[in-house]
Amino acid sequence: MTGEARAFWVVAPGRGEIRHEPLRSPSDDEVVVRTLFSGISRGTEALVFGGRVPASEWARMRAPFQEGEFPAPVKYGYASVGRVEQGPGGLKGQTVFVLYPHQDRYVVPASAVHVLPPDVPPGRAVLAANLETAINGLWDARPHLGDRLAVIGAGTVGCLVAWLAARIPGCVVQLVDVDPRRASVAGTLRIPFAEPGSAMRDADVVVHASGSPGGLQLALDLAGREAAIVEMSWFGDRDVTLALGGAFHSKRLTIASSQVGQVAPAQRARWTTRRRMQLALSLLADASLDVLVTGESSFGELPDVMARVAAGAGDVLCHRIRYDSSEEPSCSA
């Protein structure tokens, strides 16, 4: 045994706790990672915390190193940044990103870790999974030079999609959200912002990432003739009602899903998920992305923090968890 670890578990819908568990010895092709930071992926983790993953999706929604089963008890998460304490091939001492749940130390195959580029600080690297999702979503959307592109929902993923799209020459990009406070975030990222009433119409491409049925309806309204609407929100067990009368058919609109579990079809012949993650990490060198980290808490506070985030409290984008080995475990009712 190499000691003991502490991990965050959803023990029942709406209740989490930090548990002690044994940490096994690594094999020759595995590494031991001590966590520095992890990130809460607000949309998906809120649904998991609330027990709102439909039974039909229990297998497909498994995280790479998930333990337990939906709805609970389950150990879930995929945005961990840490330092390799033990491992092969010169990995010892390297700072790495891993698609691992919230846990202070863990053992994984060496092939599962992604070494951070030297110009990407560990605290910013918690955005890597969200940025990978945004890359895949933009590949699904397939904007062209000069397109008008509307991104609805200025959460972490929506901001990242708009930030990427704004780097395409000639593209006119607008980030749309009902919360006027997100205008300052958009400004830091150098992205034009609009509230729904003033958003541009006749968009060539629309990406929806608000997690709200009303946002998807707005996407239909903003889309130009024969435009594609790429749906990046995941609604869990919620039903979504849309008004598909009006101009939906006459404009010949298309609604397409995007999901990060597989590389987008347009890129799949040449790209692997590992290559996609390496791209995401390299793009995190931009210091303006720090604006997406809107709060930080200690690991011991995570059960209460997750409950607040899942309840929608505050103006949270990415909430970062900081690890300190001296903390004691806690629980949340």
Protein backbone atom coordinates (compact mmCIF):
# COMPACT_ATOMS: atom_id res chain seq x y z
CA MET A 1 0.00 0.00 0.00
CA THR A 2 1.17 3.54 -0.68
CA GLY A 3 -1.08 5.09 1.94
CA GLU A 4 -4.55 6.53 2.07
CA ALA A 5 -6.50 8.88 -0.17
CA ARG A 6 -9.47 11.16 0.38
CA ALA A 7 -12.16 11.32 -2.30
CA PHE A 8 -15.43 13.18 -2.82
CA TRP A 9 -18.47 10.94 -3.25
CA VAL A 10 -22.09 11.72 -4.04
CA VAL A 11 -23.61 9.45 -1.41
CA ALA A 12 -27.25 10.27 -2.22
CA PRO A 13 -28.92 12.74 -4.57
CA GLY A 14 -28.13 16.19 -3.20
CA ARG A 15 -25.66 14.98 -0.57
CA GLY A 16 -21.89 14.53 -0.79
CA GLU A 17 -19.10 13.61 1.56
CA ILE A 18 -15.34 13.13 1.62
CA ARG A 19 -14.32 9.56 2.30
CA HIS A 20 -11.04 7.92 3.21
CA GLU A 21 -10.02 5.04 0.97
CA PRO A 22 -6.86 2.93 0.54
CA LEU A 23 -4.38 3.88 -2.15
CA ARG A 24 -2.93 0.81 -3.85
CA SER A 25 0.66 0.43 -4.97
CA PRO A 26 1.25 1.32 -8.63
CA SER A 27 2.47 -1.16 -11.22
CA ASP A 28 5.47 -0.41 -13.43
CA ASP A 29 3.32 1.37 -16.04
CA GLU A 30 1.27 3.44 -13.57
CA VAL A 31 1.79 6.75 -11.79
CA VAL A 32 0.87 8.14 -8.38
CA VAL A 33 -0.52 11.67 -8.63
CA ARG A 34 -0.93 14.14 -5.77
CA THR A 35 -3.68 16.60 -6.67
CA LEU A 36 -3.06 20.34 -6.67
CA PHE A 37 -6.40 21.52 -8.07
CA SER A 38 -9.61 20.14 -9.53
CA GLY A 39 -12.43 21.92 -11.30
CA ILE A 40 -16.19 21.55 -10.96
CA SER A 41 -17.83 21.09 -14.35
CA ARG A 42 -20.97 22.91 -13.29
CA GLY A 43 -23.55 21.65 -15.78
CA THR A 44 -22.86 17.92 -15.76
CA GLU A 45 -21.75 17.66 -12.15
CA ALA A 46 -24.84 19.49 -10.94
CA LEU A 47 -27.00 16.89 -12.70
CA VAL A 48 -24.93 14.05 -11.24
CA PHE A 49 -25.06 15.58 -7.75
CA GLY A 50 -28.83 15.93 -7.99
CA GLY A 51 -29.31 12.33 -9.17
CA ARG A 52 -30.68 13.54 -12.50
CA VAL A 53 -28.83 11.25 -14.91
CA PRO A 54 -31.49 9.23 -16.76
CA ALA A 55 -31.19 5.46 -16.33
CA SER A 56 -30.86 5.11 -20.11
CA GLU A 57 -27.59 7.11 -19.94
CA TRP A 58 -25.95 5.50 -16.91
CA ALA A 59 -23.46 3.53 -19.02
CA ARG A 60 -22.76 6.27 -21.59
CA MET A 61 -22.26 8.96 -18.94
CA ARG A 62 -19.57 7.12 -16.99
CA ALA A 63 -16.48 9.26 -16.43
CA PRO A 64 -13.10 7.62 -17.28
CA PHE A 65 -12.21 6.81 -13.64
CA GLN A 66 -15.66 6.86 -12.10
CA GLU A 67 -16.34 4.53 -9.18
CA GLY A 68 -19.78 3.51 -8.00
CA GLU A 69 -22.95 3.70 -10.05
CA PHE A 70 -25.57 6.32 -10.83
CA PRO A 71 -27.48 7.73 -9.13
CA ALA A 72 -25.42 7.08 -5.97
CA PRO A 73 -23.11 6.42 -4.30
CA VAL A 74 -20.79 7.57 -7.07
CA LYS A 75 -17.36 9.18 -7.35
CA TYR A 76 -17.53 11.45 -10.38
CA GLY A 77 -15.49 14.20 -12.02
CA TYR A 78 -12.96 14.79 -14.79
CA ALA A 79 -10.84 17.89 -14.20
CA SER A 80 -7.86 17.07 -11.99
CA VAL A 81 -4.44 18.71 -12.03
CA GLY A 82 -1.63 17.29 -9.95
CA ARG A 83 2.03 16.41 -9.63
CA VAL A 84 3.40 12.92 -10.30
CA GLU A 85 4.94 11.52 -7.13
CA GLN A 86 5.97 8.20 -8.63
CA GLY A 87 6.02 6.92 -12.19
CA PRO A 88 8.00 5.68 -15.20
CA GLY A 89 9.62 7.41 -18.15
CA GLY A 90 10.66 10.66 -16.55
CA LEU A 91 7.11 11.49 -15.38
CA LYS A 92 8.09 11.85 -11.72
CA GLY A 93 7.81 15.50 -10.71
CA GLN A 94 5.81 16.51 -13.79
CA THR A 95 2.61 18.54 -13.46
CA VAL A 96 -0.21 16.75 -15.27
CA PHE A 97 -3.89 16.92 -16.17
CA VAL A 98 -6.02 13.79 -15.68
CA LEU A 99 -9.70 13.07 -16.31
CA TYR A 100 -10.08 11.98 -12.68
CA PRO A 101 -12.72 12.67 -9.99
CA HIS A 102 -12.12 14.95 -6.99
CA GLN A 103 -9.50 13.06 -4.92
CA ASP A 104 -6.29 14.15 -3.22
CA ARG A 105 -4.06 11.25 -4.41
CA TYR A 106 -4.67 8.52 -6.96
CA VAL A 107 -3.07 5.83 -9.12
CA VAL A 108 -3.69 5.75 -12.88
CA PRO A 109 -1.99 4.33 -15.98
CA ALA A 110 0.85 6.52 -17.21
CA SER A 111 -0.99 6.72 -20.53
CA ALA A 112 -3.86 8.58 -18.80
CA VAL A 113 -1.83 11.64 -17.77
CA HIS A 114 -1.25 14.72 -19.93
CA VAL A 115 1.86 16.74 -19.08
CA LEU A 116 1.10 20.46 -18.88
CA PRO A 117 2.96 22.75 -21.30
CA PRO A 118 5.49 24.92 -19.41
CA ASP A 119 3.49 28.11 -20.07
CA VAL A 120 0.21 26.76 -18.59
CA PRO A 121 -0.10 27.22 -14.80
CA PRO A 122 -1.73 24.38 -12.82
CA GLY A 123 -4.56 26.57 -11.57
CA ARG A 124 -5.68 27.42 -15.12
CA ALA A 125 -5.34 23.84 -16.35
CA VAL A 126 -8.59 22.86 -14.56
CA LEU A 127 -10.29 24.38 -17.63
CA ALA A 128 -8.83 21.71 -19.93
CA ALA A 129 -11.86 19.39 -20.01
CA ASN A 130 -14.23 22.29 -20.72
CA LEU A 131 -11.94 23.59 -23.46
CA GLU A 132 -11.76 20.11 -24.99
CA THR A 133 -15.58 20.09 -25.05
CA ALA A 134 -15.60 23.51 -26.72
CA ILE A 135 -13.12 22.36 -29.38
CA ASN A 136 -15.28 19.35 -30.18
CA GLY A 137 -18.40 21.49 -30.32
CA LEU A 138 -16.80 23.92 -32.74
CA TRP A 139 -15.68 20.99 -34.90
CA ASP A 140 -19.31 19.85 -34.96
CA ALA A 141 -20.48 23.37 -35.84
CA ARG A 142 -17.91 23.71 -38.65
CA PRO A 143 -17.97 27.51 -39.07
CA HIS A 144 -16.37 28.96 -42.19
CA LEU A 145 -14.30 32.08 -42.80
CA GLY A 146 -16.49 35.14 -42.51
CA ASP A 147 -19.48 33.40 -40.90
CA ARG A 148 -21.77 35.14 -38.43
CA LEU A 149 -21.75 32.92 -35.35
CA ALA A 150 -23.98 33.27 -32.29
CA VAL A 151 -23.10 31.44 -29.08
CA ILE A 152 -25.99 31.32 -26.61
CA GLY A 153 -25.05 30.81 -22.97
CA ALA A 154 -22.04 32.50 -21.38
CA GLY A 155 -21.18 29.65 -19.06
CA THR A 156 -17.68 28.18 -19.13
CA VAL A 157 -18.21 26.08 -22.27
CA GLY A 158 -20.13 28.81 -24.11
CA CYS A 159 -17.42 31.38 -23.35
CA LEU A 160 -14.75 28.99 -24.58
CA VAL A 161 -16.64 28.22 -27.81
CA ALA A 162 -17.01 31.94 -28.51
CA TRP A 163 -13.36 32.59 -27.62
CA LEU A 164 -12.23 29.92 -30.10
CA ALA A 165 -14.60 31.07 -32.84
CA ALA A 166 -13.48 34.68 -32.49
CA ARG A 167 -9.98 33.59 -33.53
CA ILE A 168 -11.22 32.44 -36.97
CA PRO A 169 -10.40 35.20 -39.51
CA GLY A 170 -13.41 37.16 -40.67
CA CYS A 171 -15.91 35.53 -38.33
CA VAL A 172 -18.37 37.82 -36.57
CA VAL A 173 -18.98 36.24 -33.18
CA GLN A 174 -21.49 37.27 -30.53
CA LEU A 175 -21.88 35.77 -27.06
CA VAL A 176 -25.50 35.94 -25.87
CA ASP A 177 -26.72 35.59 -22.29
CA VAL A 178 -29.62 36.79 -20.14
CA ASP A 179 -27.20 37.81 -17.36
CA PRO A 180 -25.71 41.25 -18.09
CA ARG A 181 -22.86 40.51 -15.65
CA ARG A 182 -21.38 38.16 -18.23
CA ALA A 183 -20.59 41.18 -20.44
CA SER A 184 -17.46 41.87 -18.39
CA VAL A 185 -16.28 38.28 -18.85
CA ALA A 186 -16.87 38.55 -22.60
CA GLY A 187 -14.96 41.84 -22.62
CA THR A 188 -11.93 40.26 -20.98
CA LEU A 189 -12.02 37.54 -23.64
CA ARG A 190 -12.44 40.19 -26.37
CA ILE A 191 -15.81 38.81 -27.52
CA PRO A 192 -18.82 41.03 -28.37
CA PHE A 193 -21.69 40.43 -25.94
CA ALA A 194 -25.45 40.88 -26.24
CA GLU A 195 -28.55 40.18 -24.21
CA PRO A 196 -31.26 38.24 -26.09
CA GLY A 197 -33.30 41.27 -27.12
CA SER A 198 -30.39 42.87 -28.96
CA ALA A 199 -28.73 39.74 -30.36
CA MET A 200 -27.94 39.61 -34.07
CA ARG A 201 -30.30 37.71 -36.34
CA ASP A 202 -29.63 35.61 -39.46
CA ALA A 203 -26.61 33.86 -37.96
CA ASP A 204 -24.85 31.36 -40.21
CA VAL A 205 -24.06 29.10 -37.26
CA VAL A 206 -25.63 29.02 -33.79
CA VAL A 207 -24.15 27.13 -30.83
CA HIS A 208 -26.43 26.64 -27.84
CA ALA A 209 -24.76 26.09 -24.46
CA SER A 210 -27.05 27.76 -21.92
CA GLY A 211 -28.61 24.61 -20.47
CA SER A 212 -32.00 26.35 -20.73
CA PRO A 213 -34.91 25.35 -23.01
CA GLY A 214 -35.50 29.05 -23.56
CA GLY A 215 -31.95 29.38 -24.84
CA LEU A 216 -32.55 26.68 -27.43
CA GLN A 217 -35.71 28.46 -28.58
CA LEU A 218 -33.67 31.66 -28.93
CA ALA A 219 -31.15 29.72 -31.02
CA LEU A 220 -33.92 28.87 -33.50
CA ASP A 221 -34.95 32.52 -33.62
CA LEU A 222 -31.42 33.78 -34.29
CA ALA A 223 -30.55 31.23 -36.97
CA GLY A 224 -30.56 32.30 -40.61
CA ARG A 225 -32.01 30.31 -43.48
CA GLU A 226 -30.68 26.72 -43.68
CA ALA A 227 -28.41 27.37 -40.70
CA ALA A 228 -27.33 24.69 -38.27
CA ILE A 229 -27.97 24.94 -34.52
CA VAL A 230 -25.46 22.87 -32.55
CA GLU A 231 -26.84 21.80 -29.17
CA MET A 232 -24.10 21.50 -26.54
CA SER A 233 -26.33 21.60 -23.46
CA TRP A 234 -27.21 18.35 -21.74
CA PHE A 235 -30.58 18.45 -20.01
CA GLY A 236 -30.36 15.20 -18.05
CA ASP A 237 -33.86 14.04 -17.17
CA ARG A 238 -35.58 17.33 -18.10
CA ASP A 239 -38.00 17.54 -21.00
CA VAL A 240 -37.53 20.37 -23.50
CA THR A 241 -40.47 21.95 -25.31
CA LEU A 242 -39.84 23.94 -28.49
CA ALA A 243 -42.11 25.97 -30.77
CA LEU A 244 -41.40 24.30 -34.10
CA GLY A 245 -44.16 26.07 -35.98
CA GLY A 246 -43.40 29.51 -37.33
CA ALA A 247 -40.30 29.66 -39.51
CA PHE A 248 -38.58 26.44 -38.37
CA HIS A 249 -39.56 24.47 -41.51
CA SER A 250 -39.63 27.32 -44.01
CA LYS A 251 -36.09 28.32 -42.96
CA ARG A 252 -35.05 24.64 -43.20
CA LEU A 253 -33.18 24.73 -39.91
CA THR A 254 -31.16 21.84 -38.49
CA ILE A 255 -30.58 21.00 -34.83
CA ALA A 256 -27.51 18.82 -34.30
CA SER A 257 -26.15 17.39 -31.04
CA SER A 258 -22.55 17.63 -29.89
CA GLN A 259 -20.98 15.43 -27.24
CA VAL A 260 -17.34 15.23 -26.20
CA GLY A 261 -17.23 11.47 -25.56
CA GLN A 262 -16.12 10.91 -29.16
CA VAL A 263 -14.11 13.06 -31.52
CA ALA A 264 -16.39 14.99 -33.89
CA PRO A 265 -17.04 12.99 -37.09
CA ALA A 266 -15.38 15.57 -39.33
CA GLN A 267 -12.07 15.06 -37.48
CA ARG A 268 -12.34 11.45 -36.33
CA ALA A 269 -10.26 9.87 -39.11
CA ARG A 270 -7.12 11.74 -38.02
CA TRP A 271 -7.64 12.92 -34.45
CA THR A 272 -7.59 10.90 -31.22
CA THR A 273 -8.94 12.07 -27.90
CA ARG A 274 -5.34 12.35 -26.69
CA ARG A 275 -4.37 14.64 -29.56
CA ARG A 276 -7.50 16.71 -28.90
CA MET A 277 -6.59 17.10 -25.21
CA GLN A 278 -3.04 18.13 -26.09
CA LEU A 279 -4.50 20.85 -28.31
CA ALA A 280 -6.73 22.05 -25.46
CA LEU A 281 -3.80 22.23 -23.05
CA SER A 282 -1.67 24.19 -25.52
CA LEU A 283 -4.45 26.77 -25.97
CA LEU A 284 -4.62 27.37 -22.21
CA ALA A 285 -1.45 29.48 -22.42
CA ASP A 286 -3.70 32.54 -22.85
CA ALA A 287 -3.86 34.31 -19.47
CA SER A 288 -7.20 35.97 -20.31
CA LEU A 289 -8.88 32.60 -19.66
CA ASP A 290 -8.27 33.09 -15.92
CA VAL A 291 -11.47 35.18 -15.93
CA LEU A 292 -13.43 31.92 -16.24
CA VAL A 293 -12.27 30.75 -12.80
CA THR A 294 -14.75 32.63 -10.62
CA GLY A 295 -14.04 31.09 -7.23
CA GLU A 296 -11.81 28.77 -5.25
CA SER A 297 -12.41 26.63 -2.17
CA SER A 298 -10.47 24.06 -0.21
CA PHE A 299 -11.07 20.36 -0.76
CA GLY A 300 -12.59 20.03 2.70
CA GLU A 301 -15.31 22.49 1.69
CA LEU A 302 -16.25 20.60 -1.48
CA PRO A 303 -19.42 18.86 -0.19
CA ASP A 304 -20.98 22.21 0.75
CA VAL A 305 -19.57 23.95 -2.34
CA MET A 306 -21.00 21.29 -4.67
CA ALA A 307 -24.42 21.68 -3.05
CA ARG A 308 -24.33 25.45 -3.60
CA VAL A 309 -23.10 25.13 -7.20
CA ALA A 310 -25.75 22.51 -8.01
CA ALA A 311 -28.42 24.80 -6.58
CA GLY A 312 -27.35 27.52 -9.01
CA ALA A 313 -26.15 29.93 -6.31
CA GLY A 314 -24.04 32.89 -7.37
CA ASP A 315 -22.45 33.83 -10.67
CA VAL A 316 -20.32 30.67 -10.94
CA LEU A 317 -18.42 29.76 -14.10
CA CYS A 318 -15.59 27.36 -13.20
CA HIS A 319 -15.16 26.82 -9.46
CA ARG A 320 -11.69 25.59 -8.56
CA ILE A 321 -10.91 23.24 -5.67
CA ARG A 322 -7.56 23.62 -3.89
CA TYR A 323 -5.99 20.63 -2.13
CA ASP A 324 -4.25 20.71 1.25
CA SER A 325 -3.16 17.43 2.84
CA SER A 326 -3.80 18.77 6.36
CA GLU A 327 -7.56 19.13 5.86
CA GLU A 328 -10.07 16.87 7.55
CA PRO A 329 -12.99 15.27 5.66
CA SER A 330 -16.47 16.75 5.89
CA CYS A 331 -19.97 16.00 4.68
CA SER A 332 -22.98 17.88 3.37
CA ALA A 333 -26.60 17.19 4.25
